[in-house]
């Protein structure tokens, strides 16, 4: 019987520790969506010249893909939200033409440049 109480107590302590960590993370107020990508590559994009493969080499796999105004569109984004402190966001939206070259792109960030 003593072994069962000890095991139950350990389980309760472990569960309390996990709950504490989860509450502390939530109370810290930080959540990140998307994934990091190198902002420095944006200056290398040339409309009508840069291919999908070159975009992938510069930034990796897109976080999201879709269609905008009938054009294949890739989105790279990282959004870090904080309950306390400044929110940091950056996103790159790349639209491709029929030849899989960059038709247009938009880059936005709240980070210092």
PDB file of N, CA and C in Angstrom:
ATOM      1  N   UNK A   1       0.821  -1.178   0.000  1.00  0.00           N
ATOM      2  CA  UNK A   1       0.000   0.000   0.000  1.00  0.00           C
ATOM      3  C   UNK A   1       0.871   1.250   0.000  1.00  0.00           C
ATOM      4  N   UNK A   2       1.963   1.213   0.756  1.00  0.00           N
ATOM      5  CA  UNK A   2       2.851   2.358   0.819  1.00  0.00           C
ATOM      6  C   UNK A   2       3.446   2.660  -0.555  1.00  0.00           C
ATOM      7  N   UNK A   3       3.786   1.617  -1.324  1.00  0.00           N
ATOM      8  CA  UNK A   3       4.345   1.784  -2.657  1.00  0.00           C
ATOM      9  C   UNK A   3       3.349   2.500  -3.570  1.00  0.00           C
ATOM     10  N   UNK A   4       2.085   2.199  -3.473  1.00  0.00           N
ATOM     11  CA  UNK A   4       1.056   2.817  -4.292  1.00  0.00           C
ATOM     12  C   UNK A   4       0.908   4.289  -3.943  1.00  0.00           C
ATOM     13  N   UNK A   5       0.932   4.619  -2.651  1.00  0.00           N
ATOM     14  CA  UNK A   5       0.841   6.016  -2.240  1.00  0.00           C
ATOM     15  C   UNK A   5       2.047   6.802  -2.741  1.00  0.00           C
ATOM     16  N   UNK A   6       3.229   6.223  -2.655  1.00  0.00           N
ATOM     17  CA  UNK A   6       4.442   6.893  -3.121  1.00  0.00           C
ATOM     18  C   UNK A   6       4.362   7.123  -4.621  1.00  0.00           C
ATOM     19  N   UNK A   7       3.938   6.122  -5.356  1.00  0.00           N
ATOM     20  CA  UNK A   7       3.812   6.252  -6.805  1.00  0.00           C
ATOM     21  C   UNK A   7       2.750   7.286  -7.151  1.00  0.00           C
ATOM     22  N   UNK A   8       1.620   7.257  -6.461  1.00  0.00           N
ATOM     23  CA  UNK A   8       0.563   8.238  -6.697  1.00  0.00           C
ATOM     24  C   UNK A   8       1.045   9.643  -6.384  1.00  0.00           C
ATOM     25  N   UNK A   9       1.808   9.747  -5.304  1.00  0.00           N
ATOM     26  CA  UNK A   9       2.313  11.054  -4.912  1.00  0.00           C
ATOM     27  C   UNK A   9       3.302  11.565  -5.957  1.00  0.00           C
ATOM     28  N   UNK A  10       4.173  10.695  -6.452  1.00  0.00           N
ATOM     29  CA  UNK A  10       5.114  11.092  -7.502  1.00  0.00           C
ATOM     30  C   UNK A  10       4.378  11.526  -8.766  1.00  0.00           C
ATOM     31  N   UNK A  11       3.346  10.782  -9.134  1.00  0.00           N
ATOM     32  CA  UNK A  11       2.544  11.143 -10.307  1.00  0.00           C
ATOM     33  C   UNK A  11       1.890  12.500 -10.111  1.00  0.00           C
ATOM     34  N   UNK A  12       1.376  12.751  -8.925  1.00  0.00           N
ATOM     35  CA  UNK A  12       0.739  14.032  -8.637  1.00  0.00           C
ATOM     36  C   UNK A  12       1.753  15.163  -8.690  1.00  0.00           C
ATOM     37  N   UNK A  13       2.939  14.930  -8.152  1.00  0.00           N
ATOM     38  CA  UNK A  13       3.990  15.951  -8.175  1.00  0.00           C
ATOM     39  C   UNK A  13       4.429  16.220  -9.616  1.00  0.00           C
ATOM     40  N   UNK A  14       4.592  15.160 -10.406  1.00  0.00           N
ATOM     41  CA  UNK A  14       4.979  15.325 -11.810  1.00  0.00           C
ATOM     42  C   UNK A  14       3.905  16.091 -12.576  1.00  0.00           C
ATOM     43  N   UNK A  15       2.651  15.763 -12.350  1.00  0.00           N
ATOM     44  CA  UNK A  15       1.548  16.455 -13.014  1.00  0.00           C
ATOM     45  C   UNK A  15       1.514  17.928 -12.597  1.00  0.00           C
ATOM     46  N   UNK A  16       1.734  18.194 -11.329  1.00  0.00           N
ATOM     47  CA  UNK A  16       1.758  19.577 -10.845  1.00  0.00           C
ATOM     48  C   UNK A  16       2.915  20.346 -11.483  1.00  0.00           C
ATOM     49  N   UNK A  17       4.057  19.704 -11.632  1.00  0.00           N
ATOM     50  CA  UNK A  17       5.213  20.367 -12.257  1.00  0.00           C
ATOM     51  C   UNK A  17       4.925  20.705 -13.712  1.00  0.00           C
ATOM     52  N   UNK A  18       4.320  19.776 -14.435  1.00  0.00           N
ATOM     53  CA  UNK A  18       3.967  20.025 -15.840  1.00  0.00           C
ATOM     54  C   UNK A  18       2.953  21.155 -15.924  1.00  0.00           C
ATOM     55  N   UNK A  19       1.961  21.144 -15.050  1.00  0.00           N
ATOM     56  CA  UNK A  19       0.959  22.206 -15.041  1.00  0.00           C
ATOM     57  C   UNK A  19       1.597  23.551 -14.728  1.00  0.00           C
ATOM     58  N   UNK A  20       2.540  23.574 -13.793  1.00  0.00           N
ATOM     59  CA  UNK A  20       3.228  24.817 -13.446  1.00  0.00           C
ATOM     60  C   UNK A  20       3.996  25.372 -14.637  1.00  0.00           C
ATOM     61  N   UNK A  21       4.705  24.512 -15.342  1.00  0.00           N
ATOM     62  CA  UNK A  21       5.464  24.951 -16.519  1.00  0.00           C
ATOM     63  C   UNK A  21       4.511  25.495 -17.580  1.00  0.00           C
ATOM     64  N   UNK A  22       3.405  24.822 -17.807  1.00  0.00           N
ATOM     65  CA  UNK A  22       2.437  25.283 -18.808  1.00  0.00           C
ATOM     66  C   UNK A  22       1.857  26.638 -18.423  1.00  0.00           C
ATOM     67  N   UNK A  23       1.496  26.805 -17.156  1.00  0.00           N
ATOM     68  CA  UNK A  23       0.949  28.079 -16.694  1.00  0.00           C
ATOM     69  C   UNK A  23       2.005  29.169 -16.773  1.00  0.00           C
ATOM     70  N   UNK A  24       3.239  28.859 -16.415  1.00  0.00           N
ATOM     71  CA  UNK A  24       4.318  29.847 -16.483  1.00  0.00           C
ATOM     72  C   UNK A  24       4.562  30.293 -17.923  1.00  0.00           C
ATOM     73  N   UNK A  25       4.528  29.349 -18.855  1.00  0.00           N
ATOM     74  CA  UNK A  25       4.712  29.699 -20.270  1.00  0.00           C
ATOM     75  C   UNK A  25       3.576  30.581 -20.754  1.00  0.00           C
ATOM     76  N   UNK A  26       2.349  30.229 -20.360  1.00  0.00           N
ATOM     77  CA  UNK A  26       1.195  31.029 -20.761  1.00  0.00           C
ATOM     78  C   UNK A  26       1.249  32.407 -20.110  1.00  0.00           C
ATOM     79  N   UNK A  27       1.594  32.449 -18.844  1.00  0.00           N
ATOM     80  CA  UNK A  27       1.660  33.723 -18.120  1.00  0.00           C
ATOM     81  C   UNK A  27       2.764  34.603 -18.681  1.00  0.00           C
ATOM     82  N   UNK A  28       3.818  33.976 -19.199  1.00  0.00           N
ATOM     83  CA  UNK A  28       4.893  34.734 -19.835  1.00  0.00           C
ATOM     84  C   UNK A  28       4.402  35.411 -21.093  1.00  0.00           C
ATOM     85  N   UNK A  29       3.316  34.908 -21.639  1.00  0.00           N
ATOM     86  CA  UNK A  29       2.639  35.557 -22.735  1.00  0.00           C
ATOM     87  C   UNK A  29       3.383  35.550 -24.047  1.00  0.00           C
ATOM     88  N   UNK A  30       4.030  34.474 -24.395  1.00  0.00           N
ATOM     89  CA  UNK A  30       4.767  34.419 -25.647  1.00  0.00           C
ATOM     90  C   UNK A  30       4.248  33.259 -26.483  1.00  0.00           C
ATOM     91  N   UNK A  31       3.899  33.561 -27.731  1.00  0.00           N
ATOM     92  CA  UNK A  31       3.466  32.523 -28.665  1.00  0.00           C
ATOM     93  C   UNK A  31       4.051  32.859 -30.033  1.00  0.00           C
ATOM     94  N   UNK A  32       4.578  31.856 -30.715  1.00  0.00           N
ATOM     95  CA  UNK A  32       5.160  32.064 -32.036  1.00  0.00           C
ATOM     96  C   UNK A  32       4.429  31.202 -33.050  1.00  0.00           C
ATOM     97  N   UNK A  33       4.116  31.819 -34.190  1.00  0.00           N
ATOM     98  CA  UNK A  33       3.449  31.133 -35.287  1.00  0.00           C
ATOM     99  C   UNK A  33       4.331  31.304 -36.523  1.00  0.00           C
ATOM    100  N   UNK A  34       4.386  30.286 -37.368  1.00  0.00           N
ATOM    101  CA  UNK A  34       5.219  30.345 -38.570  1.00  0.00           C
ATOM    102  C   UNK A  34       6.619  29.859 -38.275  1.00  0.00           C
ATOM    103  N   UNK A  35       7.554  30.229 -39.140  1.00  0.00           N
ATOM    104  CA  UNK A  35       8.942  29.857 -38.892  1.00  0.00           C
ATOM    105  C   UNK A  35       9.878  30.925 -39.423  1.00  0.00           C
ATOM    106  N   UNK A  36      11.065  30.935 -38.870  1.00  0.00           N
ATOM    107  CA  UNK A  36      12.077  31.940 -39.207  1.00  0.00           C
ATOM    108  C   UNK A  36      12.510  31.797 -40.664  1.00  0.00           C
ATOM    109  N   UNK A  37      12.805  32.926 -41.292  1.00  0.00           N
ATOM    110  CA  UNK A  37      13.387  32.932 -42.628  1.00  0.00           C
ATOM    111  C   UNK A  37      14.324  34.136 -42.709  1.00  0.00           C
ATOM    112  N   UNK A  38      15.351  34.062 -43.555  1.00  0.00           N
ATOM    113  CA  UNK A  38      16.342  35.138 -43.608  1.00  0.00           C
ATOM    114  C   UNK A  38      15.829  36.366 -44.374  1.00  0.00           C
ATOM    115  N   UNK A  39      15.635  37.454 -43.686  1.00  0.00           N
ATOM    116  CA  UNK A  39      15.158  38.691 -44.307  1.00  0.00           C
ATOM    117  C   UNK A  39      16.142  39.236 -45.328  1.00  0.00           C
ATOM    118  N   UNK A  40      17.412  38.948 -45.149  1.00  0.00           N
ATOM    119  CA  UNK A  40      18.443  39.490 -46.042  1.00  0.00           C
ATOM    120  C   UNK A  40      18.253  39.044 -47.493  1.00  0.00           C
ATOM    121  N   UNK A  41      17.583  37.918 -47.709  1.00  0.00           N
ATOM    122  CA  UNK A  41      17.365  37.419 -49.062  1.00  0.00           C
ATOM    123  C   UNK A  41      16.369  38.233 -49.863  1.00  0.00           C
ATOM    124  N   UNK A  42      15.567  39.056 -49.203  1.00  0.00           N
ATOM    125  CA  UNK A  42      14.532  39.827 -49.897  1.00  0.00           C
ATOM    126  C   UNK A  42      15.147  40.737 -50.957  1.00  0.00           C
ATOM    127  N   UNK A  43      16.298  41.316 -50.679  1.00  0.00           N
ATOM    128  CA  UNK A  43      16.929  42.232 -51.642  1.00  0.00           C
ATOM    129  C   UNK A  43      17.400  41.525 -52.903  1.00  0.00           C
ATOM    130  N   UNK A  44      17.454  40.194 -52.881  1.00  0.00           N
ATOM    131  CA  UNK A  44      17.911  39.435 -54.040  1.00  0.00           C
ATOM    132  C   UNK A  44      16.772  39.062 -54.994  1.00  0.00           C
ATOM    133  N   UNK A  45      15.540  39.311 -54.588  1.00  0.00           N
ATOM    134  CA  UNK A  45      14.389  38.979 -55.439  1.00  0.00           C
ATOM    135  C   UNK A  45      14.304  39.993 -56.579  1.00  0.00           C
ATOM    136  N   UNK A  46      14.162  39.481 -57.800  1.00  0.00           N
ATOM    137  CA  UNK A  46      13.993  40.319 -58.989  1.00  0.00           C
ATOM    138  C   UNK A  46      12.713  39.892 -59.699  1.00  0.00           C
ATOM    139  N   UNK A  47      11.770  40.818 -59.796  1.00  0.00           N
ATOM    140  CA  UNK A  47      10.501  40.501 -60.457  1.00  0.00           C
ATOM    141  C   UNK A  47      10.748  40.175 -61.921  1.00  0.00           C
ATOM    142  N   UNK A  48      10.105  39.095 -62.384  1.00  0.00           N
ATOM    143  CA  UNK A  48      10.260  38.649 -63.759  1.00  0.00           C
ATOM    144  C   UNK A  48      11.512  37.828 -64.003  1.00  0.00           C
ATOM    145  N   UNK A  49      12.384  37.721 -62.994  1.00  0.00           N
ATOM    146  CA  UNK A  49      13.639  36.982 -63.162  1.00  0.00           C
ATOM    147  C   UNK A  49      13.808  35.840 -62.162  1.00  0.00           C
ATOM    148  N   UNK A  50      13.557  36.111 -60.884  1.00  0.00           N
ATOM    149  CA  UNK A  50      13.781  35.110 -59.843  1.00  0.00           C
ATOM    150  C   UNK A  50      12.759  33.975 -59.969  1.00  0.00           C
ATOM    151  N   UNK A  51      13.257  32.734 -60.007  1.00  0.00           N
ATOM    152  CA  UNK A  51      12.386  31.566 -60.178  1.00  0.00           C
ATOM    153  C   UNK A  51      11.905  31.034 -58.829  1.00  0.00           C
ATOM    154  N   UNK A  52      10.896  30.163 -58.887  1.00  0.00           N
ATOM    155  CA  UNK A  52      10.423  29.505 -57.663  1.00  0.00           C
ATOM    156  C   UNK A  52      11.562  28.754 -56.981  1.00  0.00           C
ATOM    157  N   UNK A  53      12.381  28.064 -57.766  1.00  0.00           N
ATOM    158  CA  UNK A  53      13.489  27.308 -57.187  1.00  0.00           C
ATOM    159  C   UNK A  53      14.467  28.242 -56.475  1.00  0.00           C
ATOM    160  N   UNK A  54      14.744  29.397 -57.056  1.00  0.00           N
ATOM    161  CA  UNK A  54      15.652  30.350 -56.416  1.00  0.00           C
ATOM    162  C   UNK A  54      15.049  30.908 -55.124  1.00  0.00           C
ATOM    163  N   UNK A  55      13.744  31.143 -55.130  1.00  0.00           N
ATOM    164  CA  UNK A  55      13.075  31.599 -53.911  1.00  0.00           C
ATOM    165  C   UNK A  55      13.207  30.539 -52.830  1.00  0.00           C
ATOM    166  N   UNK A  56      13.024  29.283 -53.218  1.00  0.00           N
ATOM    167  CA  UNK A  56      13.152  28.184 -52.259  1.00  0.00           C
ATOM    168  C   UNK A  56      14.584  28.084 -51.727  1.00  0.00           C
ATOM    169  N   UNK A  57      15.579  28.323 -52.589  1.00  0.00           N
ATOM    170  CA  UNK A  57      16.976  28.304 -52.142  1.00  0.00           C
ATOM    171  C   UNK A  57      17.268  29.446 -51.167  1.00  0.00           C
ATOM    172  N   UNK A  58      16.648  30.595 -51.383  1.00  0.00           N
ATOM    173  CA  UNK A  58      16.859  31.748 -50.514  1.00  0.00           C
ATOM    174  C   UNK A  58      16.172  31.604 -49.157  1.00  0.00           C
ATOM    175  N   UNK A  59      14.933  31.071 -49.163  1.00  0.00           N
ATOM    176  CA  UNK A  59      14.111  31.108 -47.957  1.00  0.00           C
ATOM    177  C   UNK A  59      13.663  29.746 -47.440  1.00  0.00           C
ATOM    178  N   UNK A  60      13.913  28.682 -48.183  1.00  0.00           N
ATOM    179  CA  UNK A  60      13.454  27.359 -47.767  1.00  0.00           C
ATOM    180  C   UNK A  60      12.025  27.108 -48.212  1.00  0.00           C
ATOM    181  N   UNK A  61      11.429  26.090 -47.644  1.00  0.00           N
ATOM    182  CA  UNK A  61      10.047  25.754 -47.972  1.00  0.00           C
ATOM    183  C   UNK A  61       9.121  26.849 -47.449  1.00  0.00           C
ATOM    184  N   UNK A  62       8.115  27.225 -48.220  1.00  0.00           N
ATOM    185  CA  UNK A  62       7.181  28.239 -47.723  1.00  0.00           C
ATOM    186  C   UNK A  62       6.368  27.722 -46.544  1.00  0.00           C
ATOM    187  N   UNK A  63       5.979  28.645 -45.677  1.00  0.00           N
ATOM    188  CA  UNK A  63       5.148  28.296 -44.526  1.00  0.00           C
ATOM    189  C   UNK A  63       3.740  27.969 -44.998  1.00  0.00           C
ATOM    190  N   UNK A  64       3.246  28.740 -45.970  1.00  0.00           N
ATOM    191  CA  UNK A  64       1.920  28.492 -46.536  1.00  0.00           C
ATOM    192  C   UNK A  64       1.993  28.674 -48.041  1.00  0.00           C
ATOM    193  N   UNK A  65       1.128  27.975 -48.758  1.00  0.00           N
ATOM    194  CA  UNK A  65       1.006  28.158 -50.202  1.00  0.00           C
ATOM    195  C   UNK A  65      -0.458  28.379 -50.519  1.00  0.00           C
ATOM    196  N   UNK A  66      -0.710  29.068 -51.626  1.00  0.00           N
ATOM    197  CA  UNK A  66      -2.093  29.315 -52.008  1.00  0.00           C
ATOM    198  C   UNK A  66      -2.150  29.984 -53.364  1.00  0.00           C
ATOM    199  N   UNK A  67      -3.268  30.637 -53.636  1.00  0.00           N
ATOM    200  CA  UNK A  67      -3.491  31.319 -54.899  1.00  0.00           C
ATOM    201  C   UNK A  67      -4.057  32.700 -54.576  1.00  0.00           C
ATOM    202  N   UNK A  68      -3.492  33.718 -55.199  1.00  0.00           N
ATOM    203  CA  UNK A  68      -3.998  35.084 -55.053  1.00  0.00           C
ATOM    204  C   UNK A  68      -4.167  35.675 -56.442  1.00  0.00           C
ATOM    205  N   UNK A  69      -5.354  36.132 -56.748  1.00  0.00           N
ATOM    206  CA  UNK A  69      -5.662  36.677 -58.077  1.00  0.00           C
ATOM    207  C   UNK A  69      -5.257  35.710 -59.186  1.00  0.00           C
ATOM    208  N   UNK A  70      -5.438  34.409 -58.945  1.00  0.00           N
ATOM    209  CA  UNK A  70      -5.129  33.389 -59.932  1.00  0.00           C
ATOM    210  C   UNK A  70      -3.663  33.022 -60.033  1.00  0.00           C
ATOM    211  N   UNK A  71      -2.830  33.600 -59.197  1.00  0.00           N
ATOM    212  CA  UNK A  71      -1.381  33.334 -59.249  1.00  0.00           C
ATOM    213  C   UNK A  71      -0.950  32.473 -58.063  1.00  0.00           C
ATOM    214  N   UNK A  72      -0.082  31.467 -58.317  1.00  0.00           N
ATOM    215  CA  UNK A  72       0.479  30.709 -57.197  1.00  0.00           C
ATOM    216  C   UNK A  72       1.187  31.675 -56.248  1.00  0.00           C
ATOM    217  N   UNK A  73       0.937  31.494 -54.953  1.00  0.00           N
ATOM    218  CA  UNK A  73       1.470  32.414 -53.953  1.00  0.00           C
ATOM    219  C   UNK A  73       2.095  31.632 -52.811  1.00  0.00           C
ATOM    220  N   UNK A  74       3.298  32.040 -52.429  1.00  0.00           N
ATOM    221  CA  UNK A  74       3.986  31.444 -51.279  1.00  0.00           C
ATOM    222  C   UNK A  74       4.099  32.491 -50.199  1.00  0.00           C
ATOM    223  N   UNK A  75       3.891  32.054 -48.960  1.00  0.00           N
ATOM    224  CA  UNK A  75       4.030  32.944 -47.818  1.00  0.00           C
ATOM    225  C   UNK A  75       5.074  32.397 -46.868  1.00  0.00           C
ATOM    226  N   UNK A  76       5.995  33.276 -46.493  1.00  0.00           N
ATOM    227  CA  UNK A  76       6.977  33.006 -45.446  1.00  0.00           C
ATOM    228  C   UNK A  76       6.613  33.946 -44.310  1.00  0.00           C
ATOM    229  N   UNK A  77       6.502  33.435 -43.108  1.00  0.00           N
ATOM    230  CA  UNK A  77       6.113  34.317 -42.022  1.00  0.00           C
ATOM    231  C   UNK A  77       6.544  33.810 -40.665  1.00  0.00           C
ATOM    232  N   UNK A  78       6.814  34.763 -39.787  1.00  0.00           N
ATOM    233  CA  UNK A  78       7.059  34.454 -38.388  1.00  0.00           C
ATOM    234  C   UNK A  78       6.401  35.562 -37.579  1.00  0.00           C
ATOM    235  N   UNK A  79       5.527  35.141 -36.694  1.00  0.00           N
ATOM    236  CA  UNK A  79       4.753  36.070 -35.896  1.00  0.00           C
ATOM    237  C   UNK A  79       4.944  35.700 -34.433  1.00  0.00           C
ATOM    238  N   UNK A  80       5.606  36.563 -33.677  1.00  0.00           N
ATOM    239  CA  UNK A  80       5.866  36.304 -32.261  1.00  0.00           C
ATOM    240  C   UNK A  80       5.027  37.291 -31.446  1.00  0.00           C
ATOM    241  N   UNK A  81       4.027  36.751 -30.777  1.00  0.00           N
ATOM    242  CA  UNK A  81       3.116  37.560 -29.988  1.00  0.00           C
ATOM    243  C   UNK A  81       3.503  37.460 -28.518  1.00  0.00           C
ATOM    244  N   UNK A  82       3.448  38.591 -27.828  1.00  0.00           N
ATOM    245  CA  UNK A  82       3.790  38.620 -26.407  1.00  0.00           C
ATOM    246  C   UNK A  82       2.715  39.360 -25.633  1.00  0.00           C
ATOM    247  N   UNK A  83       2.404  38.831 -24.476  1.00  0.00           N
ATOM    248  CA  UNK A  83       1.464  39.494 -23.602  1.00  0.00           C
ATOM    249  C   UNK A  83       2.108  40.745 -23.024  1.00  0.00           C
ATOM    250  N   UNK A  84       3.379  40.630 -22.679  1.00  0.00           N
ATOM    251  CA  UNK A  84       4.152  41.752 -22.169  1.00  0.00           C
ATOM    252  C   UNK A  84       5.303  41.990 -23.122  1.00  0.00           C
ATOM    253  N   UNK A  85       5.505  43.195 -23.551  1.00  0.00           N
ATOM    254  CA  UNK A  85       6.573  43.496 -24.502  1.00  0.00           C
ATOM    255  C   UNK A  85       6.010  43.636 -25.904  1.00  0.00           C
ATOM    256  N   UNK A  86       6.902  43.914 -26.814  1.00  0.00           N
ATOM    257  CA  UNK A  86       6.491  44.175 -28.184  1.00  0.00           C
ATOM    258  C   UNK A  86       6.298  42.892 -28.988  1.00  0.00           C
ATOM    259  N   UNK A  87       5.263  42.906 -29.808  1.00  0.00           N
ATOM    260  CA  UNK A  87       5.032  41.824 -30.754  1.00  0.00           C
ATOM    261  C   UNK A  87       5.996  42.009 -31.916  1.00  0.00           C
ATOM    262  N   UNK A  88       6.579  40.924 -32.402  1.00  0.00           N
ATOM    263  CA  UNK A  88       7.492  40.983 -33.542  1.00  0.00           C
ATOM    264  C   UNK A  88       6.920  40.129 -34.669  1.00  0.00           C
ATOM    265  N   UNK A  89       6.774  40.749 -35.832  1.00  0.00           N
ATOM    266  CA  UNK A  89       6.248  40.006 -36.967  1.00  0.00           C
ATOM    267  C   UNK A  89       7.064  40.320 -38.209  1.00  0.00           C
ATOM    268  N   UNK A  90       7.099  39.354 -39.103  1.00  0.00           N
ATOM    269  CA  UNK A  90       7.643  39.603 -40.441  1.00  0.00           C
ATOM    270  C   UNK A  90       7.023  38.584 -41.382  1.00  0.00           C
ATOM    271  N   UNK A  91       6.710  39.058 -42.582  1.00  0.00           N
ATOM    272  CA  UNK A  91       6.178  38.134 -43.573  1.00  0.00           C
ATOM    273  C   UNK A  91       6.600  38.567 -44.967  1.00  0.00           C
ATOM    274  N   UNK A  92       6.723  37.570 -45.799  1.00  0.00           N
ATOM    275  CA  UNK A  92       7.082  37.734 -47.198  1.00  0.00           C
ATOM    276  C   UNK A  92       6.048  36.962 -48.002  1.00  0.00           C
ATOM    277  N   UNK A  93       5.372  37.656 -48.896  1.00  0.00           N
ATOM    278  CA  UNK A  93       4.376  37.025 -49.765  1.00  0.00           C
ATOM    279  C   UNK A  93       4.887  37.153 -51.196  1.00  0.00           C
ATOM    280  N   UNK A  94       5.069  36.017 -51.861  1.00  0.00           N
ATOM    281  CA  UNK A  94       5.630  35.993 -53.216  1.00  0.00           C
ATOM    282  C   UNK A  94       4.593  35.410 -54.167  1.00  0.00           C
ATOM    283  N   UNK A  95       4.280  36.157 -55.237  1.00  0.00           N
ATOM    284  CA  UNK A  95       3.339  35.710 -56.261  1.00  0.00           C
ATOM    285  C   UNK A  95       4.118  35.386 -57.533  1.00  0.00           C
ATOM    286  N   UNK A  96       3.782  34.267 -58.160  1.00  0.00           N
ATOM    287  CA  UNK A  96       4.513  33.790 -59.334  1.00  0.00           C
ATOM    288  C   UNK A  96       3.667  33.917 -60.601  1.00  0.00           C
ATOM    289  N   UNK A  97       4.353  34.079 -61.735  1.00  0.00           N
ATOM    290  CA  UNK A  97       3.668  34.149 -63.023  1.00  0.00           C
ATOM    291  C   UNK A  97       3.565  32.761 -63.648  1.00  0.00           C
ATOM    292  N   UNK A  98       3.121  32.706 -64.901  1.00  0.00           N
ATOM    293  CA  UNK A  98       2.925  31.438 -65.604  1.00  0.00           C
ATOM    294  C   UNK A  98       4.231  30.682 -65.852  1.00  0.00           C
ATOM    295  N   UNK A  99       5.357  31.391 -65.867  1.00  0.00           N
ATOM    296  CA  UNK A  99       6.674  30.759 -66.068  1.00  0.00           C
ATOM    297  C   UNK A  99       7.356  30.430 -64.741  1.00  0.00           C
ATOM    298  N   UNK A 100       6.600  30.483 -63.631  1.00  0.00           N
ATOM    299  CA  UNK A 100       7.130  30.216 -62.287  1.00  0.00           C
ATOM    300  C   UNK A 100       8.251  31.172 -61.901  1.00  0.00           C
ATOM    301  N   UNK A 101       8.121  32.411 -62.350  1.00  0.00           N
ATOM    302  CA  UNK A 101       9.038  33.481 -61.954  1.00  0.00           C
ATOM    303  C   UNK A 101       8.258  34.466 -61.087  1.00  0.00           C
ATOM    304  N   UNK A 102       8.980  35.208 -60.264  1.00  0.00           N
ATOM    305  CA  UNK A 102       8.322  36.156 -59.370  1.00  0.00           C
ATOM    306  C   UNK A 102       7.587  37.218 -60.182  1.00  0.00           C
ATOM    307  N   UNK A 103       6.293  37.307 -59.970  1.00  0.00           N
ATOM    308  CA  UNK A 103       5.478  38.354 -60.585  1.00  0.00           C
ATOM    309  C   UNK A 103       5.498  39.597 -59.688  1.00  0.00           C
ATOM    310  N   UNK A 104       5.320  39.382 -58.377  1.00  0.00           N
ATOM    311  CA  UNK A 104       5.365  40.469 -57.404  1.00  0.00           C
ATOM    312  C   UNK A 104       5.600  39.868 -56.022  1.00  0.00           C
ATOM    313  N   UNK A 105       5.964  40.733 -55.086  1.00  0.00           N
ATOM    314  CA  UNK A 105       6.151  40.272 -53.712  1.00  0.00           C
ATOM    315  C   UNK A 105       5.917  41.427 -52.754  1.00  0.00           C
ATOM    316  N   UNK A 106       5.628  41.074 -51.509  1.00  0.00           N
ATOM    317  CA  UNK A 106       5.443  42.048 -50.450  1.00  0.00           C
ATOM    318  C   UNK A 106       6.220  41.558 -49.247  1.00  0.00           C
ATOM    319  N   UNK A 107       7.011  42.430 -48.643  1.00  0.00           N
ATOM    320  CA  UNK A 107       7.733  42.110 -47.423  1.00  0.00           C
ATOM    321  C   UNK A 107       7.353  43.148 -46.377  1.00  0.00           C
ATOM    322  N   UNK A 108       6.950  42.670 -45.193  1.00  0.00           N
ATOM    323  CA  UNK A 108       6.578  43.559 -44.086  1.00  0.00           C
ATOM    324  C   UNK A 108       7.194  43.030 -42.797  1.00  0.00           C
ATOM    325  N   UNK A 109       7.602  43.960 -41.933  1.00  0.00           N
ATOM    326  CA  UNK A 109       8.170  43.567 -40.663  1.00  0.00           C
ATOM    327  C   UNK A 109       7.970  44.657 -39.619  1.00  0.00           C
ATOM    328  N   UNK A 110       7.927  44.251 -38.362  1.00  0.00           N
ATOM    329  CA  UNK A 110       7.934  45.197 -37.270  1.00  0.00           C
ATOM    330  C   UNK A 110       9.325  45.281 -36.643  1.00  0.00           C
ATOM    331  N   UNK A 111      10.249  44.472 -37.154  1.00  0.00           N
ATOM    332  CA  UNK A 111      11.611  44.435 -36.611  1.00  0.00           C
ATOM    333  C   UNK A 111      12.444  45.588 -37.167  1.00  0.00           C
ATOM    334  N   UNK A 112      13.391  46.088 -36.383  1.00  0.00           N
ATOM    335  CA  UNK A 112      14.263  47.167 -36.891  1.00  0.00           C
ATOM    336  C   UNK A 112      15.066  46.689 -38.088  1.00  0.00           C
ATOM    337  N   UNK A 113      15.241  47.548 -39.051  1.00  0.00           N
ATOM    338  CA  UNK A 113      15.994  47.198 -40.263  1.00  0.00           C
ATOM    339  C   UNK A 113      17.397  47.747 -40.223  1.00  0.00           C
TER     340      UNK A 113
END
